Protein backbone atom coordinates (compact mmCIF):
# COMPACT_ATOMS: atom_id res chain seq x y z
CA MET A 1 87.68 106.93 151.58
CA ASN A 2 86.28 110.45 152.01
CA ASP A 3 89.17 112.48 150.55
CA MET A 4 88.62 113.27 146.85
CA ALA A 5 92.13 114.76 146.62
CA ALA A 6 93.61 111.30 146.81
CA THR A 7 91.79 110.32 143.62
CA ILE A 8 93.45 113.00 141.45
CA VAL A 9 97.07 112.31 142.38
CA PRO A 10 98.87 110.87 139.31
CA ARG A 11 99.57 107.18 139.67
CA SER A 12 103.13 106.75 140.80
CA ASP A 13 103.40 103.17 139.61
CA GLN A 14 103.62 104.10 135.92
CA MET A 15 104.87 106.80 133.57
CA ASN A 16 102.32 109.59 133.13
CA SER A 17 101.93 112.17 130.37
CA ASP A 18 102.94 114.86 132.86
CA ASP A 19 106.32 113.16 133.10
CA LEU A 20 106.87 114.27 129.51
CA ILE A 21 105.95 117.93 129.89
CA GLY A 22 109.63 118.76 129.59
CA GLY A 23 109.86 117.08 126.18
CA PRO A 24 109.87 113.71 124.42
CA ARG A 25 111.82 110.80 125.86
CA THR A 26 113.38 107.86 124.05
CA ILE A 27 113.25 104.62 126.02
CA THR A 28 114.91 101.26 125.47
CA VAL A 29 112.74 98.32 126.42
CA THR A 30 114.14 95.83 128.91
CA GLY A 31 111.06 93.67 129.42
CA VAL A 32 107.30 93.43 128.94
CA SER A 33 104.66 91.99 131.23
CA ILE A 34 100.95 91.44 130.56
CA ALA A 35 98.32 91.31 133.30
CA ALA A 36 95.10 89.86 131.95
CA GLY A 37 91.95 91.77 132.77
CA ASP A 38 93.50 95.12 133.67
CA GLU A 39 92.45 98.36 131.99
CA GLN A 40 96.11 98.87 131.11
CA PRO A 41 97.37 95.29 130.96
CA VAL A 42 100.75 95.86 129.30
CA SER A 43 103.77 97.23 131.15
CA PHE A 44 106.95 98.15 129.29
CA ARG A 45 109.96 98.15 131.55
CA PHE A 46 112.79 100.28 130.25
CA GLU A 47 116.26 101.47 131.16
CA GLY A 48 116.04 104.08 133.93
CA ASP A 49 112.29 103.65 134.49
CA ASN A 50 112.57 104.13 138.28
CA ASN A 51 109.91 101.45 138.71
CA LYS A 52 107.47 103.50 136.63
CA PRO A 53 106.88 101.44 133.48
CA PHE A 54 105.25 102.73 130.32
CA MET A 55 101.70 101.34 130.27
CA PRO A 56 100.30 102.23 126.84
CA CYS A 57 96.66 102.83 126.07
CA LYS A 58 94.86 100.55 123.63
CA SER A 59 95.66 102.76 120.61
CA MET A 60 99.37 102.73 121.38
CA ARG A 61 99.26 98.98 121.99
CA ARG A 62 97.84 98.65 118.50
CA VAL A 63 100.73 100.74 117.17
CA VAL A 64 103.28 98.48 118.84
CA VAL A 65 101.66 95.29 117.54
CA LEU A 66 101.35 96.69 114.01
CA MET A 67 104.96 97.87 113.92
CA TRP A 68 106.78 95.24 115.98
CA GLY A 69 104.44 92.26 115.88
CA GLY A 70 102.78 90.59 118.81
CA ASP A 71 105.71 88.60 120.23
CA THR A 72 106.83 90.54 123.29
CA LYS A 73 109.94 88.37 123.65
CA ALA A 74 111.34 90.27 120.67
CA TYR A 75 110.89 93.71 122.26
CA PRO A 76 113.80 93.94 124.74
CA GLY A 77 116.60 96.02 123.26
CA ARG A 78 114.26 97.93 120.97
CA SER A 79 113.57 101.62 121.46
CA MET A 80 110.74 104.09 121.02
CA THR A 81 110.28 107.82 121.53
CA LEU A 82 107.36 108.91 123.69
CA TYR A 83 105.79 112.34 123.83
CA ARG A 84 102.93 114.09 125.59
CA ASP A 85 99.92 114.78 123.38
CA PRO A 86 97.84 117.49 125.10
CA GLU A 87 94.88 116.81 122.77
CA VAL A 88 94.12 113.39 124.23
CA THR A 89 90.67 113.43 125.82
CA TRP A 90 89.04 111.34 128.50
CA GLY A 91 85.45 111.79 129.60
CA GLY A 92 85.09 114.63 127.10
CA MET A 93 87.99 116.63 128.55
CA LYS A 94 91.50 117.21 127.27
CA VAL A 95 93.69 115.51 129.84
CA GLY A 96 96.77 114.69 127.78
CA GLY A 97 98.22 111.30 127.06
CA ILE A 98 101.37 109.48 126.01
CA ARG A 99 101.91 108.82 122.32
CA ILE A 100 104.65 107.10 120.34
CA SER A 101 106.38 109.18 117.67
CA HIS A 102 109.39 107.05 116.66
CA MET A 103 110.28 103.35 116.84
CA SER A 104 113.42 101.40 116.12
CA HIS A 105 113.37 98.15 114.13
CA ILE A 106 110.97 99.41 111.47
CA ASP A 107 111.91 99.84 107.83
CA GLU A 108 110.26 103.16 107.03
CA ASP A 109 108.03 105.93 108.32
CA THR A 110 104.48 104.58 108.44
CA THR A 111 101.03 106.13 108.63
CA LEU A 112 98.48 104.02 110.50
CA VAL A 113 94.76 104.58 110.85
CA LEU A 114 93.64 104.44 114.48
CA THR A 115 90.36 104.90 116.27
CA ALA A 116 90.10 108.52 117.41
CA THR A 117 86.60 108.36 118.89
CA LYS A 118 83.85 105.77 118.91
CA LYS A 119 82.61 107.22 115.62
CA SER A 120 85.79 108.24 113.84
CA ARG A 121 89.24 107.12 112.84
CA ALA A 122 92.31 109.25 112.19
CA PRO A 123 95.77 108.83 110.66
CA PHE A 124 98.69 108.35 113.03
CA ARG A 125 102.30 108.73 111.89
CA VAL A 126 105.17 106.64 113.28
CA LYS A 127 108.68 107.52 112.19
CA VAL A 128 111.83 105.44 112.07
CA LEU A 129 113.99 105.95 115.14
CA ARG A 130 117.51 106.40 113.85
CA GLU A 131 119.84 104.94 116.42
CA THR A 132 122.87 107.15 116.90
CA LYS A 133 126.12 105.34 117.41
CA PRO A 134 128.72 106.84 119.73
CA ALA A 135 131.43 108.62 117.84
CA ALA A 136 134.63 106.68 117.51
CA PRO A 137 137.39 108.10 119.67
CA GLU A 138 139.58 110.43 117.71
CA VAL A 139 142.95 108.88 117.00
CA PRO A 140 145.73 111.43 117.00
CA ALA A 141 147.65 111.68 113.77
CA VAL A 142 150.99 109.87 113.81
CA SER A 143 154.02 111.84 112.67
CA LEU A 144 156.22 109.64 110.49
CA ILE A 145 159.54 111.45 110.61
CA VAL A 146 162.88 110.51 109.12
CA ILE A 147 166.05 112.36 110.10
CA LYS A 148 168.09 113.14 107.02
CA PRO A 149 171.40 111.24 106.93
CA ASP A 150 173.47 114.43 106.77
CA GLY A 151 171.69 115.83 109.84
CA SER A 152 170.39 118.82 107.87
CA GLY A 153 166.79 118.36 108.91
CA GLU A 154 163.81 116.05 108.95
CA PHE A 155 161.51 114.54 106.35
CA ARG A 156 157.84 113.95 107.19
CA ALA A 157 156.40 110.95 105.34
CA ARG A 158 152.73 110.82 104.28
CA ASP A 159 152.36 107.11 105.10
CA ALA A 160 154.21 104.05 106.36
CA ALA A 161 155.36 102.98 102.90
CA GLN A 162 156.95 106.36 102.18
CA TRP A 163 158.48 106.36 105.66
CA VAL A 164 160.11 102.96 105.07
CA ALA A 165 161.46 104.11 101.70
CA ALA A 166 162.95 107.26 103.23
CA CYS A 167 164.53 105.31 106.11
CA THR A 168 165.97 102.76 103.68
CA LYS A 169 167.52 105.55 101.61
CA ALA A 170 168.96 107.21 104.72
CA ILE A 171 170.45 103.95 105.99
CA ALA A 172 172.02 103.19 102.62
CA ALA A 173 173.62 106.65 102.56
CA MET A 174 175.54 106.04 105.81
CA GLU A 175 179.20 105.31 105.06
CA ASP A 176 180.43 104.45 108.55
CA ALA A 177 179.15 102.69 111.64
CA PRO A 178 179.43 105.64 114.09
CA ALA A 179 177.31 107.86 111.85
CA LEU A 180 174.67 105.15 111.43
CA GLY A 181 174.71 104.44 115.16
CA ALA A 182 174.17 108.12 115.94
CA TRP A 183 171.33 108.28 113.37
CA ARG A 184 169.64 105.23 114.85
CA THR A 185 169.84 106.72 118.35
CA ALA A 186 168.39 110.02 117.15
CA MET A 187 165.60 108.12 115.36
CA ALA A 188 164.57 106.13 118.48
CA PRO A 189 161.63 108.38 119.48
CA HIS A 190 160.45 108.43 115.88
CA PHE A 191 160.55 104.63 115.77
CA MET A 192 158.34 104.54 118.85
CA ALA A 193 155.87 107.00 117.28
CA ALA A 194 155.77 105.07 114.01
CA GLU A 195 154.80 101.89 115.85
CA HIS A 196 151.30 103.40 116.28
CA ALA A 197 150.96 103.49 112.50
CA ASP A 198 152.69 100.28 111.40
CA ILE A 199 154.73 98.20 113.81
CA ALA A 200 155.84 95.85 111.04
CA ALA A 201 157.38 98.79 109.15
CA VAL A 202 159.34 99.80 112.24
CA GLU A 203 160.59 96.25 112.75
CA HIS A 204 161.69 96.15 109.11
CA VAL A 205 163.59 99.45 109.35
CA THR A 206 165.31 98.63 112.66
CA LYS A 207 166.45 95.27 111.26
CA LEU A 208 167.69 96.99 108.13
CA ALA A 209 169.65 99.48 110.24
CA GLN A 210 171.15 96.71 112.36
CA ASP A 211 172.19 94.68 109.30
CA ARG A 212 173.77 97.76 107.74
CA LEU A 213 175.52 98.62 111.01
CA ASP A 214 176.95 95.09 111.25
CA ALA A 215 178.15 95.28 107.63
CA LEU A 216 179.85 98.64 108.17
CA ALA A 217 181.49 97.40 111.37
CA ASP A 218 182.84 94.34 109.58
CA ALA A 219 184.21 96.49 106.75
CA ALA A 220 185.88 99.02 109.04
CA PRO A 221 189.65 98.72 109.73
CA GLY A 222 190.13 96.10 112.36
CA GLY A 223 186.70 94.64 111.64
CA VAL A 224 186.02 91.00 110.91
CA ALA A 225 186.86 90.15 107.28
């Protein structure tokens, strides 16, 4: 090979520090492979890696072993945040490198002491990666409405128990079957809405209304004695 330009092209078979110029990136590990004898023997596959695994330097491999242990079979599903450290040197020049700032599956923020140069060591801080859970879908509030027995308006109950009590009172106040039948028909959409809060309460109220309706029908002139 006579073209020096080819030697300075970033390796495309792994994540590079330049890939993080835009900001840190949190990755979730899907697998780890180790190739004995390589300068960078460990490859972390992760979700969305586009066939460019994270291949940590020796210092970052030490961080992983100290924080997660040496058993790579335990790593899949765990996450870490990577960032570009522009102060990383190689051959006496600042070239930038990938560092780990946060890790999941650790109990607390931890300060490690790592080799900075051949003659010095320096503290290195790893923070707990707080995994954010997706927000639960917002459940629309259920309106528990009872139509007043005299038709003068509506009552909005604060919960299923109060709704059942109000329905029971309204049903008991009905003195004839036609009025109760009309009330039950008007309440139909409210029964359907209340099922989202407590289907057992709705079943109780509809049975109560039917029993009361049957009793009123039996007591009406011409009804069954």
